[in-house]
Amino acid sequence: MSASAPVRLRGRVAEAARQPEPPRRRPGRALGACALLLIGTLLLPLSLATVWARSELTDTDRYVATVAPLAANRAVQDAIVHDVTNGVMTHIHLDGLLRAIPRAERAALLKRFTRGLREFVGKQVRQVVTGRSFPAVWTGVHRTAHQALDDSLTASGDAPVTLDLTPIVDRVRHQLAGNGLGIDIAHRIPRLGAEVVLLRSPDVPRARLAYRAVRTAAPVLPSAAALFLLAGLLLARRRRRALICVGTGCAATAALLAVALALVRTRALEGLPAVIPRAAASAYADTLTGSLRHGVWLVIGAALVTTVTAAAGPPAVRVARGLCAAFGTRPGPT
């Protein structure tokens, strides 16, 4: 071996000693980033649900604006006409009008007369429901009901919450006052009005607990979800992969929220009493949750766009720069 061999060997050893050591992996950092991203992803659908619930429960103007279009909904109008007509007919007794009719013919004539009178009353009620002034009546009824619900959930006690239909009944009574049939139908309708129970007394404490939880969580959850996601992305070593995971996870959790809404809607409609028309209840539920479902689909779309963009990576940046150059603009630094 030549004398220069040890020199070359020592030179290689010295050069290897000068090279930096490869970075050590830190499993704790990766686990922390995964935990933060997971928590933020799970908090996102909860944030959407609580913000929607808080806006609908505490903001009377927003609630009234949400349900206002239902005044023109055919299924809702049919339900109101059916309920009000039934209420009117229960207070009309025609037995005294048929005393001069032979007893053998009285039952058939009473049945025919009652059917005709019911059709007339239903027609008068429908004129009220489809009239120009009905949207204002509908808005006033729901504004009063929402304020009563808010007062009941913020105060103590367990008084039931009802939907007072007295303004609608008063309009119907006025419509029937000049019917021209020779029957004083208007004065046969009781002036006590009509009410629909929205929240029974045993259900008020549970509803109040949920109401307070929503009011407390709604201002906190969106900020917490954003902070967890941002902290997880900053802590992650491979941020492109983390961004892909975040987009996929947010789309998945938002889709689960959409599925949960559909299941809750189905269970709620199945649990309604048989006297409540399903078509009207479905229209009410879809209108009330419309903004929440719209927000869920916006989150799903934004999350999928984020995932695709992050997965494309540098090629997407080059395509964007090419498009900018084609239109004579210059993209900013990435």
C-alpha atoms as a PDB file:
ATOM      1  CA  MET A   1       0.000   0.000   0.000  1.00  0.00           C
ATOM      2  CA  SER A   2       1.321   3.420  -0.905  1.00  0.00           C
ATOM      3  CA  ALA A   3       1.981   6.124   1.601  1.00  0.00           C
ATOM      4  CA  SER A   4      -0.788   8.254   0.201  1.00  0.00           C
ATOM      5  CA  ALA A   5      -3.479   5.634   1.056  1.00  0.00           C
ATOM      6  CA  PRO A   6      -3.688   6.468   4.763  1.00  0.00           C
ATOM      7  CA  VAL A   7      -3.921  10.117   3.850  1.00  0.00           C
ATOM      8  CA  ARG A   8      -6.870   9.501   1.514  1.00  0.00           C
ATOM      9  CA  LEU A   9      -8.552   7.319   4.126  1.00  0.00           C
ATOM     10  CA  ARG A  10      -8.171   9.953   6.796  1.00  0.00           C
ATOM     11  CA  GLY A  11      -9.562  12.535   4.366  1.00  0.00           C
ATOM     12  CA  ARG A  12     -12.687  10.484   3.745  1.00  0.00           C
ATOM     13  CA  VAL A  13     -13.183   9.971   7.459  1.00  0.00           C
ATOM     14  CA  ALA A  14     -12.846  13.687   8.072  1.00  0.00           C
ATOM     15  CA  GLU A  15     -15.270  14.488   5.231  1.00  0.00           C
ATOM     16  CA  ALA A  16     -17.817  12.018   6.612  1.00  0.00           C
ATOM     17  CA  ALA A  17     -17.432  13.582  10.023  1.00  0.00           C
ATOM     18  CA  ARG A  18     -18.204  17.002   8.595  1.00  0.00           C
ATOM     19  CA  GLN A  19     -21.497  15.854   6.955  1.00  0.00           C
ATOM     20  CA  PRO A  20     -24.602  16.639   9.087  1.00  0.00           C
ATOM     21  CA  GLU A  21     -26.415  13.764  10.676  1.00  0.00           C
ATOM     22  CA  PRO A  22     -29.848  12.950   9.254  1.00  0.00           C
ATOM     23  CA  PRO A  23     -32.660  14.510  11.299  1.00  0.00           C
ATOM     24  CA  ARG A  24     -34.032  12.277  13.963  1.00  0.00           C
ATOM     25  CA  ARG A  25     -37.661  11.398  13.782  1.00  0.00           C
ATOM     26  CA  ARG A  26     -39.838  12.714  16.553  1.00  0.00           C
ATOM     27  CA  PRO A  27     -42.834  10.442  16.983  1.00  0.00           C
ATOM     28  CA  GLY A  28     -44.247  12.732  19.649  1.00  0.00           C
ATOM     29  CA  ARG A  29     -44.546  15.606  17.181  1.00  0.00           C
ATOM     30  CA  ALA A  30     -46.303  13.431  14.612  1.00  0.00           C
ATOM     31  CA  LEU A  31     -48.709  12.051  17.216  1.00  0.00           C
ATOM     32  CA  GLY A  32     -49.435  15.551  18.495  1.00  0.00           C
ATOM     33  CA  ALA A  33     -50.164  16.832  14.995  1.00  0.00           C
ATOM     34  CA  CYS A  34     -52.457  13.868  14.301  1.00  0.00           C
ATOM     35  CA  ALA A  35     -54.309  14.406  17.567  1.00  0.00           C
ATOM     36  CA  LEU A  36     -54.828  18.119  16.911  1.00  0.00           C
ATOM     37  CA  LEU A  37     -56.029  17.517  13.369  1.00  0.00           C
ATOM     38  CA  LEU A  38     -58.373  14.755  14.488  1.00  0.00           C
ATOM     39  CA  ILE A  39     -59.928  16.919  17.206  1.00  0.00           C
ATOM     40  CA  GLY A  40     -60.366  19.838  14.806  1.00  0.00           C
ATOM     41  CA  THR A  41     -61.940  17.590  12.191  1.00  0.00           C
ATOM     42  CA  LEU A  42     -64.427  16.194  14.710  1.00  0.00           C
ATOM     43  CA  LEU A  43     -65.286  19.644  16.066  1.00  0.00           C
ATOM     44  CA  LEU A  44     -66.136  21.022  12.614  1.00  0.00           C
ATOM     45  CA  PRO A  45     -69.579  19.357  12.166  1.00  0.00           C
ATOM     46  CA  LEU A  46     -70.424  20.033  15.808  1.00  0.00           C
ATOM     47  CA  SER A  47     -69.652  23.697  15.175  1.00  0.00           C
ATOM     48  CA  LEU A  48     -72.009  23.803  12.216  1.00  0.00           C
ATOM     49  CA  ALA A  49     -74.830  22.185  14.186  1.00  0.00           C
ATOM     50  CA  THR A  50     -74.471  24.372  17.290  1.00  0.00           C
ATOM     51  CA  VAL A  51     -74.188  27.623  15.333  1.00  0.00           C
ATOM     52  CA  TRP A  52     -77.319  26.734  13.358  1.00  0.00           C
ATOM     53  CA  ALA A  53     -79.231  25.740  16.498  1.00  0.00           C
ATOM     54  CA  ARG A  54     -78.213  28.901  18.320  1.00  0.00           C
ATOM     55  CA  SER A  55     -79.273  31.156  15.435  1.00  0.00           C
ATOM     56  CA  GLU A  56     -82.661  29.473  15.084  1.00  0.00           C
ATOM     57  CA  LEU A  57     -83.362  29.281  18.826  1.00  0.00           C
ATOM     58  CA  THR A  58     -82.208  32.711  19.972  1.00  0.00           C
ATOM     59  CA  ASP A  59     -82.825  34.965  16.950  1.00  0.00           C
ATOM     60  CA  THR A  60     -86.548  35.520  16.510  1.00  0.00           C
ATOM     61  CA  ASP A  61     -86.155  37.604  13.356  1.00  0.00           C
ATOM     62  CA  ARG A  62     -84.048  34.914  11.704  1.00  0.00           C
ATOM     63  CA  TYR A  63     -86.530  32.198  12.644  1.00  0.00           C
ATOM     64  CA  VAL A  64     -89.478  34.201  11.336  1.00  0.00           C
ATOM     65  CA  ALA A  65     -87.643  34.881   8.077  1.00  0.00           C
ATOM     66  CA  THR A  66     -86.875  31.162   7.759  1.00  0.00           C
ATOM     67  CA  VAL A  67     -90.467  29.953   8.152  1.00  0.00           C
ATOM     68  CA  ALA A  68     -92.093  32.853   6.268  1.00  0.00           C
ATOM     69  CA  PRO A  69     -92.084  31.021   2.876  1.00  0.00           C
ATOM     70  CA  LEU A  70     -94.132  28.208   4.429  1.00  0.00           C
ATOM     71  CA  ALA A  71     -97.200  30.465   4.335  1.00  0.00           C
ATOM     72  CA  ALA A  72     -97.354  29.777   0.581  1.00  0.00           C
ATOM     73  CA  ASN A  73     -96.532  26.067   0.851  1.00  0.00           C
ATOM     74  CA  ARG A  74     -99.389  23.932  -0.455  1.00  0.00           C
ATOM     75  CA  ALA A  75     -98.919  21.134   2.078  1.00  0.00           C
ATOM     76  CA  VAL A  76     -98.900  23.592   4.986  1.00  0.00           C
ATOM     77  CA  GLN A  77    -101.981  25.368   3.661  1.00  0.00           C
ATOM     78  CA  ASP A  78    -103.829  22.069   3.306  1.00  0.00           C
ATOM     79  CA  ALA A  79    -102.932  21.136   6.883  1.00  0.00           C
ATOM     80  CA  ILE A  80    -104.204  24.471   8.221  1.00  0.00           C
ATOM     81  CA  VAL A  81    -107.421  24.224   6.216  1.00  0.00           C
ATOM     82  CA  HIS A  82    -107.999  20.674   7.494  1.00  0.00           C
ATOM     83  CA  ASP A  83    -107.334  21.510  11.150  1.00  0.00           C
ATOM     84  CA  VAL A  84    -109.302  24.762  11.237  1.00  0.00           C
ATOM     85  CA  THR A  85    -112.238  23.221   9.359  1.00  0.00           C
ATOM     86  CA  ASN A  86    -112.347  20.336  11.827  1.00  0.00           C
ATOM     87  CA  GLY A  87    -112.283  22.800  14.704  1.00  0.00           C
ATOM     88  CA  VAL A  88    -115.142  24.814  13.252  1.00  0.00           C
ATOM     89  CA  MET A  89    -117.281  21.783  12.479  1.00  0.00           C
ATOM     90  CA  THR A  90    -117.012  20.447  16.021  1.00  0.00           C
ATOM     91  CA  HIS A  91    -118.971  23.502  17.217  1.00  0.00           C
ATOM     92  CA  ILE A  92    -121.725  23.335  14.611  1.00  0.00           C
ATOM     93  CA  HIS A  93    -124.716  21.171  15.580  1.00  0.00           C
ATOM     94  CA  LEU A  94    -127.425  20.858  12.973  1.00  0.00           C
ATOM     95  CA  ASP A  95    -129.814  18.552  14.806  1.00  0.00           C
ATOM     96  CA  GLY A  96    -132.103  21.440  15.733  1.00  0.00           C
ATOM     97  CA  LEU A  97    -132.506  22.446  12.093  1.00  0.00           C
ATOM     98  CA  LEU A  98    -133.894  19.049  11.106  1.00  0.00           C
ATOM     99  CA  ARG A  99    -136.697  18.682  13.636  1.00  0.00           C
ATOM    100  CA  ALA A 100    -139.342  19.128  10.934  1.00  0.00           C
ATOM    101  CA  ILE A 101    -137.832  16.286   8.896  1.00  0.00           C
ATOM    102  CA  PRO A 102    -139.215  12.765   9.524  1.00  0.00           C
ATOM    103  CA  ARG A 103    -136.936  10.743  11.783  1.00  0.00           C
ATOM    104  CA  ALA A 104    -136.426   8.060   9.146  1.00  0.00           C
ATOM    105  CA  GLU A 105    -135.045  10.600   6.651  1.00  0.00           C
ATOM    106  CA  ARG A 106    -133.186  12.696   9.176  1.00  0.00           C
ATOM    107  CA  ALA A 107    -129.930  10.681   9.299  1.00  0.00           C
ATOM    108  CA  ALA A 108    -129.357  10.670   5.527  1.00  0.00           C
ATOM    109  CA  LEU A 109    -130.251  14.355   5.195  1.00  0.00           C
ATOM    110  CA  LEU A 110    -128.031  15.288   8.145  1.00  0.00           C
ATOM    111  CA  LYS A 111    -125.105  13.450   6.596  1.00  0.00           C
ATOM    112  CA  ARG A 112    -125.586  15.137   3.241  1.00  0.00           C
ATOM    113  CA  PHE A 113    -126.149  18.562   4.794  1.00  0.00           C
ATOM    114  CA  THR A 114    -123.086  18.203   7.026  1.00  0.00           C
ATOM    115  CA  ARG A 115    -120.912  17.227   4.077  1.00  0.00           C
ATOM    116  CA  GLY A 116    -122.063  20.246   2.081  1.00  0.00           C
ATOM    117  CA  LEU A 117    -121.564  22.573   5.029  1.00  0.00           C
ATOM    118  CA  ARG A 118    -118.081  21.169   5.618  1.00  0.00           C
ATOM    119  CA  GLU A 119    -117.159  21.837   1.995  1.00  0.00           C
ATOM    120  CA  PHE A 120    -118.406  25.383   2.349  1.00  0.00           C
ATOM    121  CA  VAL A 121    -116.478  26.008   5.556  1.00  0.00           C
ATOM    122  CA  GLY A 122    -113.328  24.484   4.049  1.00  0.00           C
ATOM    123  CA  LYS A 123    -113.659  26.781   1.054  1.00  0.00           C
ATOM    124  CA  GLN A 124    -113.961  29.821   3.299  1.00  0.00           C
ATOM    125  CA  VAL A 125    -110.947  28.755   5.357  1.00  0.00           C
ATOM    126  CA  ARG A 126    -108.899  28.236   2.197  1.00  0.00           C
ATOM    127  CA  GLN A 127    -109.766  31.737   1.054  1.00  0.00           C
ATOM    128  CA  VAL A 128    -108.322  33.029   4.305  1.00  0.00           C
ATOM    129  CA  VAL A 129    -105.196  30.879   4.049  1.00  0.00           C
ATOM    130  CA  THR A 130    -104.504  31.838   0.432  1.00  0.00           C
ATOM    131  CA  GLY A 131    -105.408  35.509   0.857  1.00  0.00           C
ATOM    132  CA  ARG A 132    -103.004  38.426   0.680  1.00  0.00           C
ATOM    133  CA  SER A 133    -103.095  39.116   4.395  1.00  0.00           C
ATOM    134  CA  PHE A 134    -102.332  35.564   5.492  1.00  0.00           C
ATOM    135  CA  PRO A 135     -98.481  35.847   5.292  1.00  0.00           C
ATOM    136  CA  ALA A 136     -98.636  38.682   7.843  1.00  0.00           C
ATOM    137  CA  VAL A 137    -100.865  36.580  10.108  1.00  0.00           C
ATOM    138  CA  TRP A 138     -98.545  33.589   9.703  1.00  0.00           C
ATOM    139  CA  THR A 139     -95.507  35.730  10.578  1.00  0.00           C
ATOM    140  CA  GLY A 140     -97.227  37.142  13.652  1.00  0.00           C
ATOM    141  CA  VAL A 141     -98.239  33.692  14.895  1.00  0.00           C
ATOM    142  CA  HIS A 142     -94.701  32.325  14.600  1.00  0.00           C
ATOM    143  CA  ARG A 143     -93.100  35.428  16.069  1.00  0.00           C
ATOM    144  CA  THR A 144     -95.290  35.098  19.150  1.00  0.00           C
ATOM    145  CA  ALA A 145     -94.562  31.370  19.389  1.00  0.00           C
ATOM    146  CA  HIS A 146     -90.801  31.830  19.086  1.00  0.00           C
ATOM    147  CA  GLN A 147     -90.746  34.565  21.722  1.00  0.00           C
ATOM    148  CA  ALA A 148     -92.748  32.299  24.033  1.00  0.00           C
ATOM    149  CA  LEU A 149     -90.274  29.477  23.392  1.00  0.00           C
ATOM    150  CA  ASP A 150     -87.312  31.724  24.111  1.00  0.00           C
ATOM    151  CA  ASP A 151     -88.921  33.056  27.301  1.00  0.00           C
ATOM    152  CA  SER A 152     -89.716  29.529  28.462  1.00  0.00           C
ATOM    153  CA  LEU A 153     -86.198  28.218  27.861  1.00  0.00           C
ATOM    154  CA  THR A 154     -84.441  31.174  29.483  1.00  0.00           C
ATOM    155  CA  ALA A 155     -86.698  31.376  32.556  1.00  0.00           C
ATOM    156  CA  SER A 156     -87.504  28.838  35.227  1.00  0.00           C
ATOM    157  CA  GLY A 157     -90.618  26.712  35.431  1.00  0.00           C
ATOM    158  CA  ASP A 158     -92.105  24.066  33.188  1.00  0.00           C
ATOM    159  CA  ALA A 159     -95.037  25.780  31.492  1.00  0.00           C
ATOM    160  CA  PRO A 160     -95.792  24.251  28.067  1.00  0.00           C
ATOM    161  CA  VAL A 161     -94.974  26.150  24.870  1.00  0.00           C
ATOM    162  CA  THR A 162     -97.872  26.480  22.423  1.00  0.00           C
ATOM    163  CA  LEU A 163     -98.530  27.856  18.957  1.00  0.00           C
ATOM    164  CA  ASP A 164    -101.514  30.185  19.289  1.00  0.00           C
ATOM    165  CA  LEU A 165    -103.714  30.010  16.182  1.00  0.00           C
ATOM    166  CA  THR A 166    -106.232  32.551  17.477  1.00  0.00           C
ATOM    167  CA  PRO A 167    -105.395  35.172  14.775  1.00  0.00           C
ATOM    168  CA  ILE A 168    -106.140  32.596  12.063  1.00  0.00           C
ATOM    169  CA  VAL A 169    -109.381  31.536  13.755  1.00  0.00           C
ATOM    170  CA  ASP A 170    -110.430  35.205  14.039  1.00  0.00           C
ATOM    171  CA  ARG A 171    -109.905  35.654  10.303  1.00  0.00           C
ATOM    172  CA  VAL A 172    -111.983  32.554   9.637  1.00  0.00           C
ATOM    173  CA  ARG A 173    -114.741  33.775  11.986  1.00  0.00           C
ATOM    174  CA  HIS A 174    -114.855  37.089  10.103  1.00  0.00           C
ATOM    175  CA  GLN A 175    -114.953  35.246   6.773  1.00  0.00           C
ATOM    176  CA  LEU A 176    -117.894  33.114   7.936  1.00  0.00           C
ATOM    177  CA  ALA A 177    -119.840  36.008   9.476  1.00  0.00           C
ATOM    178  CA  GLY A 178    -121.618  36.895   6.213  1.00  0.00           C
ATOM    179  CA  ASN A 179    -122.028  33.418   4.755  1.00  0.00           C
ATOM    180  CA  GLY A 180    -125.621  33.968   3.602  1.00  0.00           C
ATOM    181  CA  LEU A 181    -126.725  30.485   4.633  1.00  0.00           C
ATOM    182  CA  GLY A 182    -128.993  31.594   7.401  1.00  0.00           C
ATOM    183  CA  ILE A 183    -126.811  29.791   9.949  1.00  0.00           C
ATOM    184  CA  ASP A 184    -124.884  31.829  12.472  1.00  0.00           C
ATOM    185  CA  ILE A 185    -121.636  29.895  12.008  1.00  0.00           C
ATOM    186  CA  ALA A 186    -119.345  32.662  13.231  1.00  0.00           C
ATOM    187  CA  HIS A 187    -120.887  32.823  16.693  1.00  0.00           C
ATOM    188  CA  ARG A 188    -120.687  29.059  17.035  1.00  0.00           C
ATOM    189  CA  ILE A 189    -116.899  29.189  16.950  1.00  0.00           C
ATOM    190  CA  PRO A 190    -115.513  29.658  20.480  1.00  0.00           C
ATOM    191  CA  ARG A 191    -113.551  32.829  21.150  1.00  0.00           C
ATOM    192  CA  LEU A 192    -110.960  30.975  23.172  1.00  0.00           C
ATOM    193  CA  GLY A 193    -108.955  30.415  19.997  1.00  0.00           C
ATOM    194  CA  ALA A 194    -106.919  27.337  19.181  1.00  0.00           C
ATOM    195  CA  GLU A 195    -103.496  26.226  20.308  1.00  0.00           C
ATOM    196  CA  VAL A 196    -101.003  23.635  19.172  1.00  0.00           C
ATOM    197  CA  VAL A 197     -98.632  22.319  21.845  1.00  0.00           C
ATOM    198  CA  LEU A 198     -95.037  22.680  20.671  1.00  0.00           C
ATOM    199  CA  LEU A 199     -93.306  21.660  23.879  1.00  0.00           C
ATOM    200  CA  ARG A 200     -94.998  19.725  26.666  1.00  0.00           C
ATOM    201  CA  SER A 201     -94.319  20.471  30.304  1.00  0.00           C
ATOM    202  CA  PRO A 202     -92.269  17.267  30.943  1.00  0.00           C
ATOM    203  CA  ASP A 203     -90.048  18.113  27.973  1.00  0.00           C
ATOM    204  CA  VAL A 204     -89.270  21.688  29.016  1.00  0.00           C
ATOM    205  CA  PRO A 205     -86.400  20.909  31.491  1.00  0.00           C
ATOM    206  CA  ARG A 206     -84.543  18.764  28.926  1.00  0.00           C
ATOM    207  CA  ALA A 207     -85.074  21.363  26.233  1.00  0.00           C
ATOM    208  CA  ARG A 208     -83.806  24.089  28.579  1.00  0.00           C
ATOM    209  CA  LEU A 209     -80.647  22.081  29.297  1.00  0.00           C
ATOM    210  CA  ALA A 210     -79.977  21.590  25.582  1.00  0.00           C
ATOM    211  CA  TYR A 211     -80.728  25.260  24.950  1.00  0.00           C
ATOM    212  CA  ARG A 212     -78.139  26.400  27.493  1.00  0.00           C
ATOM    213  CA  ALA A 213     -75.555  23.955  26.149  1.00  0.00           C
ATOM    214  CA  VAL A 214     -76.057  25.288  22.629  1.00  0.00           C
ATOM    215  CA  ARG A 215     -75.770  28.913  23.740  1.00  0.00           C
ATOM    216  CA  THR A 216     -72.541  28.129  25.582  1.00  0.00           C
ATOM    217  CA  ALA A 217     -70.909  25.990  22.888  1.00  0.00           C
ATOM    218  CA  ALA A 218     -71.877  27.938  19.761  1.00  0.00           C
ATOM    219  CA  PRO A 219     -69.437  30.859  20.281  1.00  0.00           C
ATOM    220  CA  VAL A 220     -66.584  28.528  21.317  1.00  0.00           C
ATOM    221  CA  LEU A 221     -66.652  25.509  19.004  1.00  0.00           C
ATOM    222  CA  PRO A 222     -65.931  27.239  15.653  1.00  0.00           C
ATOM    223  CA  SER A 223     -62.879  29.032  17.055  1.00  0.00           C
ATOM    224  CA  ALA A 224     -61.689  25.870  18.780  1.00  0.00           C
ATOM    225  CA  ALA A 225     -62.025  23.823  15.580  1.00  0.00           C
ATOM    226  CA  ALA A 226     -60.071  26.411  13.589  1.00  0.00           C
ATOM    227  CA  LEU A 227     -57.323  26.622  16.222  1.00  0.00           C
ATOM    228  CA  PHE A 228     -56.914  22.838  16.435  1.00  0.00           C
ATOM    229  CA  LEU A 229     -56.701  22.498  12.660  1.00  0.00           C
ATOM    230  CA  LEU A 230     -54.223  25.362  12.325  1.00  0.00           C
ATOM    231  CA  ALA A 231     -52.056  24.099  15.175  1.00  0.00           C
ATOM    232  CA  GLY A 232     -52.052  20.582  13.718  1.00  0.00           C
ATOM    233  CA  LEU A 233     -50.980  21.827  10.288  1.00  0.00           C
ATOM    234  CA  LEU A 234     -48.190  23.958  11.777  1.00  0.00           C
ATOM    235  CA  LEU A 235     -46.941  21.088  13.912  1.00  0.00           C
ATOM    236  CA  ALA A 236     -47.021  18.504  11.122  1.00  0.00           C
ATOM    237  CA  ARG A 237     -43.688  17.849   9.411  1.00  0.00           C
ATOM    238  CA  ARG A 238     -45.270  16.794   6.112  1.00  0.00           C
ATOM    239  CA  ARG A 239     -47.826  19.528   5.734  1.00  0.00           C
ATOM    240  CA  ARG A 240     -48.948  18.568   2.249  1.00  0.00           C
ATOM    241  CA  ARG A 241     -49.918  15.122   3.460  1.00  0.00           C
ATOM    242  CA  ALA A 242     -51.500  16.645   6.556  1.00  0.00           C
ATOM    243  CA  LEU A 243     -53.551  19.003   4.380  1.00  0.00           C
ATOM    244  CA  ILE A 244     -54.786  16.054   2.319  1.00  0.00           C
ATOM    245  CA  CYS A 245     -55.799  14.247   5.511  1.00  0.00           C
ATOM    246  CA  VAL A 246     -57.556  17.352   6.848  1.00  0.00           C
ATOM    247  CA  GLY A 247     -59.549  17.863   3.661  1.00  0.00           C
ATOM    248  CA  THR A 248     -60.562  14.212   3.504  1.00  0.00           C
ATOM    249  CA  GLY A 249     -61.453  14.115   7.202  1.00  0.00           C
ATOM    250  CA  CYS A 250     -63.544  17.306   7.091  1.00  0.00           C
ATOM    251  CA  ALA A 251     -65.440  16.052   4.041  1.00  0.00           C
ATOM    252  CA  ALA A 252     -66.080  12.720   5.774  1.00  0.00           C
ATOM    253  CA  THR A 253     -67.312  14.241   9.058  1.00  0.00           C
ATOM    254  CA  ALA A 254     -69.529  16.732   7.228  1.00  0.00           C
ATOM    255  CA  ALA A 255     -70.992  13.843   5.215  1.00  0.00           C
ATOM    256  CA  LEU A 256     -71.667  11.987   8.468  1.00  0.00           C
ATOM    257  CA  LEU A 257     -73.505  15.062   9.740  1.00  0.00           C
ATOM    258  CA  ALA A 258     -75.648  15.061   6.585  1.00  0.00           C
ATOM    259  CA  VAL A 259     -76.468  11.380   7.139  1.00  0.00           C
ATOM    260  CA  ALA A 260     -77.300  12.065  10.797  1.00  0.00           C
ATOM    261  CA  LEU A 261     -79.641  14.890   9.797  1.00  0.00           C
ATOM    262  CA  ALA A 262     -81.455  12.586   7.385  1.00  0.00           C
ATOM    263  CA  LEU A 263     -81.829   9.897  10.067  1.00  0.00           C
ATOM    264  CA  VAL A 264     -83.055  12.380  12.688  1.00  0.00           C
ATOM    265  CA  ARG A 265     -85.552  13.797  10.205  1.00  0.00           C
ATOM    266  CA  THR A 266     -86.912  10.330   9.439  1.00  0.00           C
ATOM    267  CA  ARG A 267     -87.181   9.359  13.110  1.00  0.00           C
ATOM    268  CA  ALA A 268     -88.821  12.654  14.027  1.00  0.00           C
ATOM    269  CA  LEU A 269     -91.450  12.341  11.292  1.00  0.00           C
ATOM    270  CA  GLU A 270     -92.169   8.746  12.244  1.00  0.00           C
ATOM    271  CA  GLY A 271     -92.657   9.759  15.865  1.00  0.00           C
ATOM    272  CA  LEU A 272     -95.266  12.434  15.132  1.00  0.00           C
ATOM    273  CA  PRO A 273     -98.912  11.800  16.029  1.00  0.00           C
ATOM    274  CA  ALA A 274    -101.097  10.502  13.230  1.00  0.00           C
ATOM    275  CA  VAL A 275    -103.170  13.704  13.218  1.00  0.00           C
ATOM    276  CA  ILE A 276    -100.195  15.758  11.962  1.00  0.00           C
ATOM    277  CA  PRO A 277     -99.907  15.597   8.138  1.00  0.00           C
ATOM    278  CA  ARG A 278     -96.542  14.215   7.083  1.00  0.00           C
ATOM    279  CA  ALA A 279     -96.283  16.461   4.030  1.00  0.00           C
ATOM    280  CA  ALA A 280     -96.630  19.628   6.118  1.00  0.00           C
ATOM    281  CA  ALA A 281     -94.215  18.346   8.771  1.00  0.00           C
ATOM    282  CA  SER A 282     -91.673  17.441   6.076  1.00  0.00           C
ATOM    283  CA  ALA A 283     -91.920  20.896   4.526  1.00  0.00           C
ATOM    284  CA  TYR A 284     -91.439  22.531   7.921  1.00  0.00           C
ATOM    285  CA  ALA A 285     -88.423  20.354   8.785  1.00  0.00           C
ATOM    286  CA  ASP A 286     -86.765  20.892   5.403  1.00  0.00           C
ATOM    287  CA  THR A 287     -87.273  24.653   5.583  1.00  0.00           C
ATOM    288  CA  LEU A 288     -86.006  24.925   9.140  1.00  0.00           C
ATOM    289  CA  THR A 289     -82.837  22.900   8.466  1.00  0.00           C
ATOM    290  CA  GLY A 290     -82.187  24.311   5.001  1.00  0.00           C
ATOM    291  CA  SER A 291     -79.369  26.627   6.079  1.00  0.00           C
ATOM    292  CA  LEU A 292     -77.654  23.818   8.007  1.00  0.00           C
ATOM    293  CA  ARG A 293     -77.786  21.438   5.043  1.00  0.00           C
ATOM    294  CA  HIS A 294     -76.488  24.197   2.766  1.00  0.00           C
ATOM    295  CA  GLY A 295     -73.575  24.803   5.138  1.00  0.00           C
ATOM    296  CA  VAL A 296     -72.777  21.084   5.260  1.00  0.00           C
ATOM    297  CA  TRP A 297     -72.540  20.855   1.477  1.00  0.00           C
ATOM    298  CA  LEU A 298     -70.373  23.978   1.359  1.00  0.00           C
ATOM    299  CA  VAL A 299     -67.960  22.382   3.821  1.00  0.00           C
ATOM    300  CA  ILE A 300     -67.892  19.140   1.828  1.00  0.00           C
ATOM    301  CA  GLY A 301     -67.162  21.020  -1.398  1.00  0.00           C
ATOM    302  CA  ALA A 302     -64.431  23.176   0.141  1.00  0.00           C
ATOM    303  CA  ALA A 303     -62.823  20.162   1.808  1.00  0.00           C
ATOM    304  CA  LEU A 304     -62.757  18.171  -1.430  1.00  0.00           C
ATOM    305  CA  VAL A 305     -61.262  21.096  -3.345  1.00  0.00           C
ATOM    306  CA  THR A 306     -58.589  21.412  -0.659  1.00  0.00           C
ATOM    307  CA  THR A 307     -57.813  17.694  -0.875  1.00  0.00           C
ATOM    308  CA  VAL A 308     -57.542  17.672  -4.671  1.00  0.00           C
ATOM    309  CA  THR A 309     -55.403  20.812  -4.728  1.00  0.00           C
ATOM    310  CA  ALA A 310     -53.033  19.497  -2.075  1.00  0.00           C
ATOM    311  CA  ALA A 311     -52.803  16.102  -3.781  1.00  0.00           C
ATOM    312  CA  ALA A 312     -51.956  17.732  -7.113  1.00  0.00           C
ATOM    313  CA  GLY A 313     -49.121  19.631  -5.462  1.00  0.00           C
ATOM    314  CA  PRO A 314     -46.410  21.187  -7.681  1.00  0.00           C
ATOM    315  CA  PRO A 315     -48.134  20.243 -10.965  1.00  0.00           C
ATOM    316  CA  ALA A 316     -51.129  22.317  -9.932  1.00  0.00           C
ATOM    317  CA  VAL A 317     -48.852  25.266  -9.204  1.00  0.00           C
ATOM    318  CA  ARG A 318     -47.227  24.943 -12.640  1.00  0.00           C
ATOM    319  CA  VAL A 319     -50.650  24.803 -14.321  1.00  0.00           C
ATOM    320  CA  ALA A 320     -51.742  27.908 -12.428  1.00  0.00           C
ATOM    321  CA  ARG A 321     -48.595  29.752 -13.485  1.00  0.00           C
ATOM    322  CA  GLY A 322     -49.183  28.706 -17.103  1.00  0.00           C
ATOM    323  CA  LEU A 323     -52.750  29.995 -16.996  1.00  0.00           C
ATOM    324  CA  CYS A 324     -51.603  33.260 -15.453  1.00  0.00           C
ATOM    325  CA  ALA A 325     -48.937  33.648 -18.132  1.00  0.00           C
ATOM    326  CA  ALA A 326     -51.510  32.953 -20.849  1.00  0.00           C
ATOM    327  CA  PHE A 327     -53.711  35.747 -19.535  1.00  0.00           C
ATOM    328  CA  GLY A 328     -50.778  38.098 -19.123  1.00  0.00           C
ATOM    329  CA  THR A 329     -50.729  38.077 -15.321  1.00  0.00           C
ATOM    330  CA  ARG A 330     -48.114  36.981 -12.889  1.00  0.00           C
ATOM    331  CA  PRO A 331     -48.953  34.801  -9.915  1.00  0.00           C
ATOM    332  CA  GLY A 332     -47.818  35.786  -6.485  1.00  0.00           C
ATOM    333  CA  PRO A 333     -45.242  33.835  -4.515  1.00  0.00           C
ATOM    334  CA  THR A 334     -46.339  30.441  -3.195  1.00  0.00           C
END
